[in-house]
PDB file of N, CA and C in Angstrom:
ATOM      1  N   MET A   1       4.037 -24.244 -24.481  1.00  0.00           N
ATOM      2  CA  MET A   1       3.978 -23.559 -23.210  1.00  0.00           C
ATOM      3  C   MET A   1       3.048 -24.331 -22.275  1.00  0.00           C
ATOM      4  N   ALA A   2       3.479 -24.496 -21.021  1.00  0.00           N
ATOM      5  CA  ALA A   2       2.684 -25.228 -20.044  1.00  0.00           C
ATOM      6  C   ALA A   2       1.462 -24.420 -19.634  1.00  0.00           C
ATOM      7  N   ALA A   3       0.412 -25.124 -19.250  1.00  0.00           N
ATOM      8  CA  ALA A   3      -0.804 -24.457 -18.788  1.00  0.00           C
ATOM      9  C   ALA A   3      -0.534 -23.764 -17.453  1.00  0.00           C
ATOM     10  N   THR A   4      -1.151 -22.626 -17.239  1.00  0.00           N
ATOM     11  CA  THR A   4      -1.011 -21.892 -15.988  1.00  0.00           C
ATOM     12  C   THR A   4      -1.866 -22.565 -14.928  1.00  0.00           C
ATOM     13  N   ARG A   5      -1.275 -22.767 -13.755  1.00  0.00           N
ATOM     14  CA  ARG A   5      -2.019 -23.395 -12.662  1.00  0.00           C
ATOM     15  C   ARG A   5      -2.491 -22.321 -11.692  1.00  0.00           C
ATOM     16  N   LEU A   6      -3.804 -22.149 -11.615  1.00  0.00           N
ATOM     17  CA  LEU A   6      -4.394 -21.170 -10.712  1.00  0.00           C
ATOM     18  C   LEU A   6      -5.057 -21.882  -9.551  1.00  0.00           C
ATOM     19  N   ALA A   7      -4.966 -21.292  -8.379  1.00  0.00           N
ATOM     20  CA  ALA A   7      -5.624 -21.840  -7.196  1.00  0.00           C
ATOM     21  C   ALA A   7      -7.097 -21.480  -7.226  1.00  0.00           C
ATOM     22  N   SER A   8      -7.918 -22.328  -6.639  1.00  0.00           N
ATOM     23  CA  SER A   8      -9.355 -22.069  -6.624  1.00  0.00           C
ATOM     24  C   SER A   8      -9.772 -21.155  -5.472  1.00  0.00           C
ATOM     25  N   LYS A   9      -8.892 -20.939  -4.491  1.00  0.00           N
ATOM     26  CA  LYS A   9      -9.216 -20.067  -3.363  1.00  0.00           C
ATOM     27  C   LYS A   9      -9.259 -18.610  -3.797  1.00  0.00           C
ATOM     28  N   PRO A  10     -10.034 -17.783  -3.090  1.00  0.00           N
ATOM     29  CA  PRO A  10     -10.055 -16.346  -3.396  1.00  0.00           C
ATOM     30  C   PRO A  10      -8.671 -15.730  -3.197  1.00  0.00           C
ATOM     31  N   VAL A  11      -8.392 -14.681  -3.936  1.00  0.00           N
ATOM     32  CA  VAL A  11      -7.100 -14.006  -3.797  1.00  0.00           C
ATOM     33  C   VAL A  11      -7.142 -13.027  -2.636  1.00  0.00           C
ATOM     34  N   ARG A  12      -5.967 -12.815  -2.026  1.00  0.00           N
ATOM     35  CA  ARG A  12      -5.823 -11.879  -0.916  1.00  0.00           C
ATOM     36  C   ARG A  12      -4.580 -11.035  -1.141  1.00  0.00           C
ATOM     37  N   PRO A  13      -4.530  -9.832  -0.584  1.00  0.00           N
ATOM     38  CA  PRO A  13      -3.307  -9.030  -0.698  1.00  0.00           C
ATOM     39  C   PRO A  13      -2.095  -9.840  -0.240  1.00  0.00           C
ATOM     40  N   GLY A  14      -1.026  -9.730  -1.012  1.00  0.00           N
ATOM     41  CA  GLY A  14       0.193 -10.482  -0.738  1.00  0.00           C
ATOM     42  C   GLY A  14       0.335 -11.716  -1.600  1.00  0.00           C
ATOM     43  N   ASP A  15      -0.785 -12.208  -2.177  1.00  0.00           N
ATOM     44  CA  ASP A  15      -0.737 -13.402  -3.034  1.00  0.00           C
ATOM     45  C   ASP A  15      -0.061 -13.089  -4.366  1.00  0.00           C
ATOM     46  N   LEU A  16       0.634 -14.091  -4.913  1.00  0.00           N
ATOM     47  CA  LEU A  16       1.147 -13.998  -6.274  1.00  0.00           C
ATOM     48  C   LEU A  16      -0.011 -14.333  -7.203  1.00  0.00           C
ATOM     49  N   VAL A  17      -0.355 -13.412  -8.100  1.00  0.00           N
ATOM     50  CA  VAL A  17      -1.542 -13.575  -8.937  1.00  0.00           C
ATOM     51  C   VAL A  17      -1.212 -13.432 -10.422  1.00  0.00           C
ATOM     52  N   LEU A  18      -2.088 -13.997 -11.228  1.00  0.00           N
ATOM     53  CA  LEU A  18      -2.081 -13.805 -12.670  1.00  0.00           C
ATOM     54  C   LEU A  18      -3.354 -13.044 -13.004  1.00  0.00           C
ATOM     55  N   VAL A  19      -3.211 -11.978 -13.793  1.00  0.00           N
ATOM     56  CA  VAL A  19      -4.360 -11.167 -14.200  1.00  0.00           C
ATOM     57  C   VAL A  19      -4.376 -11.083 -15.719  1.00  0.00           C
ATOM     58  N   LYS A  20      -5.502 -11.443 -16.324  1.00  0.00           N
ATOM     59  CA  LYS A  20      -5.718 -11.202 -17.746  1.00  0.00           C
ATOM     60  C   LYS A  20      -6.735 -10.078 -17.836  1.00  0.00           C
ATOM     61  N   TYR A  21      -6.402  -9.068 -18.636  1.00  0.00           N
ATOM     62  CA  TYR A  21      -7.272  -7.903 -18.707  1.00  0.00           C
ATOM     63  C   TYR A  21      -7.281  -7.318 -20.111  1.00  0.00           C
ATOM     64  N   ARG A  22      -8.382  -6.663 -20.445  1.00  0.00           N
ATOM     65  CA  ARG A  22      -8.530  -6.010 -21.751  1.00  0.00           C
ATOM     66  C   ARG A  22      -7.906  -4.622 -21.655  1.00  0.00           C
ATOM     67  N   ASP A  23      -7.077  -4.286 -22.647  1.00  0.00           N
ATOM     68  CA  ASP A  23      -6.374  -3.014 -22.622  1.00  0.00           C
ATOM     69  C   ASP A  23      -6.597  -2.249 -23.918  1.00  0.00           C
ATOM     70  N   HIS A  24      -6.441  -0.963 -23.838  1.00  0.00           N
ATOM     71  CA  HIS A  24      -6.540  -0.107 -25.021  1.00  0.00           C
ATOM     72  C   HIS A  24      -5.470  -0.492 -26.030  1.00  0.00           C
ATOM     73  N   LEU A  25      -5.694  -0.115 -27.259  1.00  0.00           N
ATOM     74  CA  LEU A  25      -4.746  -0.401 -28.319  1.00  0.00           C
ATOM     75  C   LEU A  25      -4.497   0.867 -29.118  1.00  0.00           C
ATOM     76  N   LEU A  26      -3.256   1.265 -29.187  1.00  0.00           N
ATOM     77  CA  LEU A  26      -2.859   2.386 -30.023  1.00  0.00           C
ATOM     78  C   LEU A  26      -2.434   1.803 -31.368  1.00  0.00           C
ATOM     79  N   PHE A  27      -3.033   2.276 -32.442  1.00  0.00           N
ATOM     80  CA  PHE A  27      -2.638   1.785 -33.757  1.00  0.00           C
ATOM     81  C   PHE A  27      -2.202   2.941 -34.625  1.00  0.00           C
ATOM     82  N   ARG A  28      -1.391   2.606 -35.611  1.00  0.00           N
ATOM     83  CA  ARG A  28      -0.842   3.631 -36.494  1.00  0.00           C
ATOM     84  C   ARG A  28      -0.673   3.036 -37.884  1.00  0.00           C
ATOM     85  N   HIS A  29      -1.106   3.759 -38.883  1.00  0.00           N
ATOM     86  CA  HIS A  29      -0.990   3.308 -40.275  1.00  0.00           C
ATOM     87  C   HIS A  29      -1.604   1.921 -40.451  1.00  0.00           C
ATOM     88  N   SER A  30      -2.785   1.726 -39.880  1.00  0.00           N
ATOM     89  CA  SER A  30      -3.470   0.430 -39.928  1.00  0.00           C
ATOM     90  C   SER A  30      -4.923   0.642 -40.315  1.00  0.00           C
ATOM     91  N   ASP A  31      -5.572  -0.440 -40.673  1.00  0.00           N
ATOM     92  CA  ASP A  31      -6.994  -0.417 -40.980  1.00  0.00           C
ATOM     93  C   ASP A  31      -7.760  -0.293 -39.660  1.00  0.00           C
ATOM     94  N   ALA A  32      -8.344   0.862 -39.390  1.00  0.00           N
ATOM     95  CA  ALA A  32      -9.022   1.110 -38.119  1.00  0.00           C
ATOM     96  C   ALA A  32     -10.166   0.141 -37.858  1.00  0.00           C
ATOM     97  N   SER A  33     -10.828  -0.330 -38.901  1.00  0.00           N
ATOM     98  CA  SER A  33     -11.970  -1.230 -38.711  1.00  0.00           C
ATOM     99  C   SER A  33     -11.551  -2.605 -38.205  1.00  0.00           C
ATOM    100  N   LYS A  34     -10.276  -2.931 -38.249  1.00  0.00           N
ATOM    101  CA  LYS A  34      -9.794  -4.246 -37.808  1.00  0.00           C
ATOM    102  C   LYS A  34      -9.161  -4.207 -36.415  1.00  0.00           C
ATOM    103  N   GLN A  35      -9.174  -3.060 -35.767  1.00  0.00           N
ATOM    104  CA  GLN A  35      -8.511  -2.927 -34.468  1.00  0.00           C
ATOM    105  C   GLN A  35      -9.503  -3.165 -33.327  1.00  0.00           C
ATOM    106  N   THR A  36      -9.067  -3.903 -32.340  1.00  0.00           N
ATOM    107  CA  THR A  36      -9.875  -4.186 -31.149  1.00  0.00           C
ATOM    108  C   THR A  36      -8.962  -4.128 -29.923  1.00  0.00           C
ATOM    109  N   PRO A  37      -9.542  -3.949 -28.733  1.00  0.00           N
ATOM    110  CA  PRO A  37      -8.716  -4.016 -27.524  1.00  0.00           C
ATOM    111  C   PRO A  37      -8.032  -5.384 -27.435  1.00  0.00           C
ATOM    112  N   ARG A  38      -6.885  -5.428 -26.812  1.00  0.00           N
ATOM    113  CA  ARG A  38      -6.134  -6.672 -26.653  1.00  0.00           C
ATOM    114  C   ARG A  38      -6.299  -7.205 -25.240  1.00  0.00           C
ATOM    115  N   VAL A  39      -6.192  -8.520 -25.086  1.00  0.00           N
ATOM    116  CA  VAL A  39      -6.164  -9.128 -23.759  1.00  0.00           C
ATOM    117  C   VAL A  39      -4.699  -9.327 -23.390  1.00  0.00           C
ATOM    118  N   LEU A  40      -4.282  -8.670 -22.317  1.00  0.00           N
ATOM    119  CA  LEU A  40      -2.910  -8.759 -21.833  1.00  0.00           C
ATOM    120  C   LEU A  40      -2.871  -9.597 -20.564  1.00  0.00           C
ATOM    121  N   THR A  41      -1.700 -10.141 -20.261  1.00  0.00           N
ATOM    122  CA  THR A  41      -1.495 -10.956 -19.065  1.00  0.00           C
ATOM    123  C   THR A  41      -0.385 -10.344 -18.227  1.00  0.00           C
ATOM    124  N   ALA A  42      -0.623 -10.233 -16.927  1.00  0.00           N
ATOM    125  CA  ALA A  42       0.385  -9.722 -16.001  1.00  0.00           C
ATOM    126  C   ALA A  42       0.452 -10.638 -14.787  1.00  0.00           C
ATOM    127  N   VAL A  43       1.644 -10.753 -14.225  1.00  0.00           N
ATOM    128  CA  VAL A  43       1.861 -11.544 -13.014  1.00  0.00           C
ATOM    129  C   VAL A  43       2.523 -10.644 -11.994  1.00  0.00           C
ATOM    130  N   GLY A  44       2.054 -10.702 -10.750  1.00  0.00           N
ATOM    131  CA  GLY A  44       2.655  -9.899  -9.689  1.00  0.00           C
ATOM    132  C   GLY A  44       2.019 -10.208  -8.351  1.00  0.00           C
ATOM    133  N   ARG A  45       2.467  -9.491  -7.328  1.00  0.00           N
ATOM    134  CA  ARG A  45       1.932  -9.635  -5.978  1.00  0.00           C
ATOM    135  C   ARG A  45       0.764  -8.676  -5.822  1.00  0.00           C
ATOM    136  N   LEU A  46      -0.386  -9.201  -5.417  1.00  0.00           N
ATOM    137  CA  LEU A  46      -1.573  -8.369  -5.215  1.00  0.00           C
ATOM    138  C   LEU A  46      -1.337  -7.448  -4.024  1.00  0.00           C
ATOM    139  N   THR A  47      -1.410  -6.144  -4.267  1.00  0.00           N
ATOM    140  CA  THR A  47      -1.198  -5.185  -3.177  1.00  0.00           C
ATOM    141  C   THR A  47      -2.482  -4.502  -2.742  1.00  0.00           C
ATOM    142  N   CYS A  48      -3.479  -4.446  -3.635  1.00  0.00           N
ATOM    143  CA  CYS A  48      -4.741  -3.781  -3.316  1.00  0.00           C
ATOM    144  C   CYS A  48      -5.839  -4.386  -4.183  1.00  0.00           C
ATOM    145  N   GLU A  49      -7.001  -4.567  -3.580  1.00  0.00           N
ATOM    146  CA  GLU A  49      -8.165  -5.049  -4.331  1.00  0.00           C
ATOM    147  C   GLU A  49      -9.403  -4.392  -3.747  1.00  0.00           C
ATOM    148  N   ASN A  50     -10.208  -3.766  -4.601  1.00  0.00           N
ATOM    149  CA  ASN A  50     -11.489  -3.233  -4.161  1.00  0.00           C
ATOM    150  C   ASN A  50     -12.490  -3.369  -5.303  1.00  0.00           C
ATOM    151  N   GLU A  51     -13.660  -2.780  -5.169  1.00  0.00           N
ATOM    152  CA  GLU A  51     -14.701  -2.972  -6.188  1.00  0.00           C
ATOM    153  C   GLU A  51     -14.382  -2.269  -7.508  1.00  0.00           C
ATOM    154  N   ASP A  52     -13.458  -1.307  -7.501  1.00  0.00           N
ATOM    155  CA  ASP A  52     -13.138  -0.552  -8.712  1.00  0.00           C
ATOM    156  C   ASP A  52     -11.877  -1.016  -9.444  1.00  0.00           C
ATOM    157  N   PHE A  53     -10.874  -1.494  -8.712  1.00  0.00           N
ATOM    158  CA  PHE A  53      -9.597  -1.836  -9.344  1.00  0.00           C
ATOM    159  C   PHE A  53      -8.801  -2.813  -8.488  1.00  0.00           C
ATOM    160  N   VAL A  54      -7.775  -3.404  -9.096  1.00  0.00           N
ATOM    161  CA  VAL A  54      -6.770  -4.180  -8.373  1.00  0.00           C
ATOM    162  C   VAL A  54      -5.412  -3.577  -8.707  1.00  0.00           C
ATOM    163  N   THR A  55      -4.487  -3.693  -7.770  1.00  0.00           N
ATOM    164  CA  THR A  55      -3.120  -3.232  -7.988  1.00  0.00           C
ATOM    165  C   THR A  55      -2.183  -4.399  -7.744  1.00  0.00           C
ATOM    166  N   ILE A  56      -1.276  -4.631  -8.701  1.00  0.00           N
ATOM    167  CA  ILE A  56      -0.259  -5.659  -8.518  1.00  0.00           C
ATOM    168  C   ILE A  56       1.118  -5.013  -8.663  1.00  0.00           C
ATOM    169  N   ALA A  57       2.072  -5.531  -7.904  1.00  0.00           N
ATOM    170  CA  ALA A  57       3.459  -5.058  -7.979  1.00  0.00           C
ATOM    171  C   ALA A  57       4.333  -6.238  -8.372  1.00  0.00           C
ATOM    172  N   TRP A  58       5.264  -5.992  -9.282  1.00  0.00           N
ATOM    173  CA  TRP A  58       6.189  -7.070  -9.637  1.00  0.00           C
ATOM    174  C   TRP A  58       7.615  -6.731  -9.228  1.00  0.00           C
ATOM    175  N   GLU A  59       7.794  -5.545  -8.611  1.00  0.00           N
ATOM    176  CA  GLU A  59       9.135  -5.155  -8.169  1.00  0.00           C
ATOM    177  C   GLU A  59       9.009  -4.171  -7.017  1.00  0.00           C
ATOM    178  N   ASP A  60       9.741  -4.417  -5.933  1.00  0.00           N
ATOM    179  CA  ASP A  60       9.815  -3.504  -4.792  1.00  0.00           C
ATOM    180  C   ASP A  60      11.282  -3.166  -4.553  1.00  0.00           C
ATOM    181  N   TYR A  61      11.570  -1.921  -4.161  1.00  0.00           N
ATOM    182  CA  TYR A  61      12.951  -1.529  -3.918  1.00  0.00           C
ATOM    183  C   TYR A  61      12.990  -0.300  -3.016  1.00  0.00           C
ATOM    184  N   THR A  62      14.146  -0.039  -2.449  1.00  0.00           N
ATOM    185  CA  THR A  62      14.389   1.201  -1.724  1.00  0.00           C
ATOM    186  C   THR A  62      15.615   1.867  -2.339  1.00  0.00           C
ATOM    187  N   ASP A  63      15.554   3.180  -2.486  1.00  0.00           N
ATOM    188  CA  ASP A  63      16.704   3.923  -2.979  1.00  0.00           C
ATOM    189  C   ASP A  63      17.755   3.988  -1.877  1.00  0.00           C
ATOM    190  N   PRO A  64      19.043   4.026  -2.244  1.00  0.00           N
ATOM    191  CA  PRO A  64      20.097   4.131  -1.222  1.00  0.00           C
ATOM    192  C   PRO A  64      19.860   5.329  -0.307  1.00  0.00           C
ATOM    193  N   GLY A  65      19.978   5.103   0.985  1.00  0.00           N
ATOM    194  CA  GLY A  65      19.810   6.173   1.954  1.00  0.00           C
ATOM    195  C   GLY A  65      18.369   6.487   2.312  1.00  0.00           C
ATOM    196  N   GLU A  66      17.407   5.793   1.714  1.00  0.00           N
ATOM    197  CA  GLU A  66      15.985   6.018   2.016  1.00  0.00           C
ATOM    198  C   GLU A  66      15.391   4.779   2.659  1.00  0.00           C
ATOM    199  N   SER A  67      14.315   4.954   3.398  1.00  0.00           N
ATOM    200  CA  SER A  67      13.632   3.816   4.005  1.00  0.00           C
ATOM    201  C   SER A  67      12.278   3.535   3.350  1.00  0.00           C
ATOM    202  N   LEU A  68      11.818   4.440   2.495  1.00  0.00           N
ATOM    203  CA  LEU A  68      10.532   4.274   1.828  1.00  0.00           C
ATOM    204  C   LEU A  68      10.635   3.204   0.732  1.00  0.00           C
ATOM    205  N   VAL A  69       9.785   2.201   0.804  1.00  0.00           N
ATOM    206  CA  VAL A  69       9.759   1.156  -0.214  1.00  0.00           C
ATOM    207  C   VAL A  69       8.967   1.656  -1.408  1.00  0.00           C
ATOM    208  N   LYS A  70       9.549   1.567  -2.584  1.00  0.00           N
ATOM    209  CA  LYS A  70       8.890   1.963  -3.822  1.00  0.00           C
ATOM    210  C   LYS A  70       8.593   0.703  -4.619  1.00  0.00           C
ATOM    211  N   SER A  71       7.566   0.760  -5.455  1.00  0.00           N
ATOM    212  CA  SER A  71       7.145  -0.416  -6.222  1.00  0.00           C
ATOM    213  C   SER A  71       6.938  -0.066  -7.687  1.00  0.00           C
ATOM    214  N   THR A  72       7.008  -1.085  -8.507  1.00  0.00           N
ATOM    215  CA  THR A  72       6.676  -0.980  -9.920  1.00  0.00           C
ATOM    216  C   THR A  72       5.620  -2.029 -10.204  1.00  0.00           C
ATOM    217  N   GLY A  73       4.548  -1.651 -10.912  1.00  0.00           N
ATOM    218  CA  GLY A  73       3.486  -2.599 -11.197  1.00  0.00           C
ATOM    219  C   GLY A  73       2.373  -1.966 -11.995  1.00  0.00           C
ATOM    220  N   LEU A  74       1.176  -2.479 -11.804  1.00  0.00           N
ATOM    221  CA  LEU A  74       0.011  -2.018 -12.550  1.00  0.00           C
ATOM    222  C   LEU A  74      -1.177  -1.826 -11.632  1.00  0.00           C
ATOM    223  N   CYS A  75      -1.985  -0.840 -11.950  1.00  0.00           N
ATOM    224  CA  CYS A  75      -3.303  -0.657 -11.355  1.00  0.00           C
ATOM    225  C   CYS A  75      -4.291  -0.936 -12.492  1.00  0.00           C
ATOM    226  N   ILE A  76      -5.124  -1.957 -12.323  1.00  0.00           N
ATOM    227  CA  ILE A  76      -5.996  -2.425 -13.408  1.00  0.00           C
ATOM    228  C   ILE A  76      -7.458  -2.211 -13.026  1.00  0.00           C
ATOM    229  N   ILE A  77      -8.203  -1.533 -13.871  1.00  0.00           N
ATOM    230  CA  ILE A  77      -9.624  -1.283 -13.635  1.00  0.00           C
ATOM    231  C   ILE A  77     -10.382  -2.617 -13.667  1.00  0.00           C
ATOM    232  N   ARG A  78     -11.149  -2.881 -12.623  1.00  0.00           N
ATOM    233  CA  ARG A  78     -11.803  -4.174 -12.452  1.00  0.00           C
ATOM    234  C   ARG A  78     -12.699  -4.570 -13.631  1.00  0.00           C
ATOM    235  N   SER A  79     -13.391  -3.601 -14.230  1.00  0.00           N
ATOM    236  CA  SER A  79     -14.307  -3.943 -15.328  1.00  0.00           C
ATOM    237  C   SER A  79     -13.574  -4.456 -16.558  1.00  0.00           C
ATOM    238  N   THR A  80     -12.253  -4.284 -16.626  1.00  0.00           N
ATOM    239  CA  THR A  80     -11.485  -4.788 -17.769  1.00  0.00           C
ATOM    240  C   THR A  80     -10.899  -6.168 -17.513  1.00  0.00           C
ATOM    241  N   ILE A  81     -11.034  -6.682 -16.290  1.00  0.00           N
ATOM    242  CA  ILE A  81     -10.414  -7.962 -15.933  1.00  0.00           C
ATOM    243  C   ILE A  81     -11.215  -9.125 -16.511  1.00  0.00           C
ATOM    244  N   VAL A  82     -10.511  -9.986 -17.224  1.00  0.00           N
ATOM    245  CA  VAL A  82     -11.087 -11.186 -17.812  1.00  0.00           C
ATOM    246  C   VAL A  82     -10.890 -12.374 -16.870  1.00  0.00           C
ATOM    247  N   GLU A  83      -9.737 -12.410 -16.201  1.00  0.00           N
ATOM    248  CA  GLU A  83      -9.398 -13.505 -15.287  1.00  0.00           C
ATOM    249  C   GLU A  83      -8.465 -12.975 -14.207  1.00  0.00           C
ATOM    250  N   LEU A  84      -8.705 -13.391 -12.966  1.00  0.00           N
ATOM    251  CA  LEU A  84      -7.843 -13.040 -11.840  1.00  0.00           C
ATOM    252  C   LEU A  84      -7.767 -14.264 -10.960  1.00  0.00           C
ATOM    253  N   GLY A  85      -6.554 -14.766 -10.746  1.00  0.00           N
ATOM    254  CA  GLY A  85      -6.412 -15.955  -9.914  1.00  0.00           C
ATOM    255  C   GLY A  85      -5.071 -16.001  -9.230  1.00  0.00           C
ATOM    256  N   ARG A  86      -5.045 -16.697  -8.097  1.00  0.00           N
ATOM    257  CA  ARG A  86      -3.810 -16.886  -7.334  1.00  0.00           C
ATOM    258  C   ARG A  86      -3.009 -17.998  -7.985  1.00  0.00           C
ATOM    259  N   LEU A  87      -1.713 -17.764  -8.195  1.00  0.00           N
ATOM    260  CA  LEU A  87      -0.861 -18.787  -8.768  1.00  0.00           C
ATOM    261  C   LEU A  87      -0.496 -19.813  -7.710  1.00  0.00           C
ATOM    262  N   LEU A  88      -0.426 -21.062  -8.105  1.00  0.00           N
ATOM    263  CA  LEU A  88      -0.045 -22.139  -7.192  1.00  0.00           C
ATOM    264  C   LEU A  88       1.459 -22.195  -7.039  1.00  0.00           C
ATOM    265  N   ASP A  89       1.908 -22.608  -5.878  1.00  0.00           N
ATOM    266  CA  ASP A  89       3.346 -22.818  -5.651  1.00  0.00           C
ATOM    267  C   ASP A  89       3.763 -24.129  -6.303  1.00  0.00           C
ATOM    268  N   GLY A  90       5.005 -24.142  -6.766  1.00  0.00           N
ATOM    269  CA  GLY A  90       5.608 -25.376  -7.268  1.00  0.00           C
ATOM    270  C   GLY A  90       5.166 -25.831  -8.595  1.00  0.00           C
TER     271      GLY A  90
END
């Protein structure tokens, strides 16, 4: 797998970003002492950023006959973020 190329500039709403974040882990029929949070990776368009969280969307759509744009994505608590960077074009 090729290395991810991140831009060194700060991210802004509308940028395509990569976010690595620590997430909860649900386990079942496992040794509880060996379970730890996982680091997950998500890619999407930054829609909101503040001191508490960031929101990224990877899909926008409108239902037939409606004008309201709906989105699918993630709202990630900032304290769980391991890496946040703008993806480079090309």
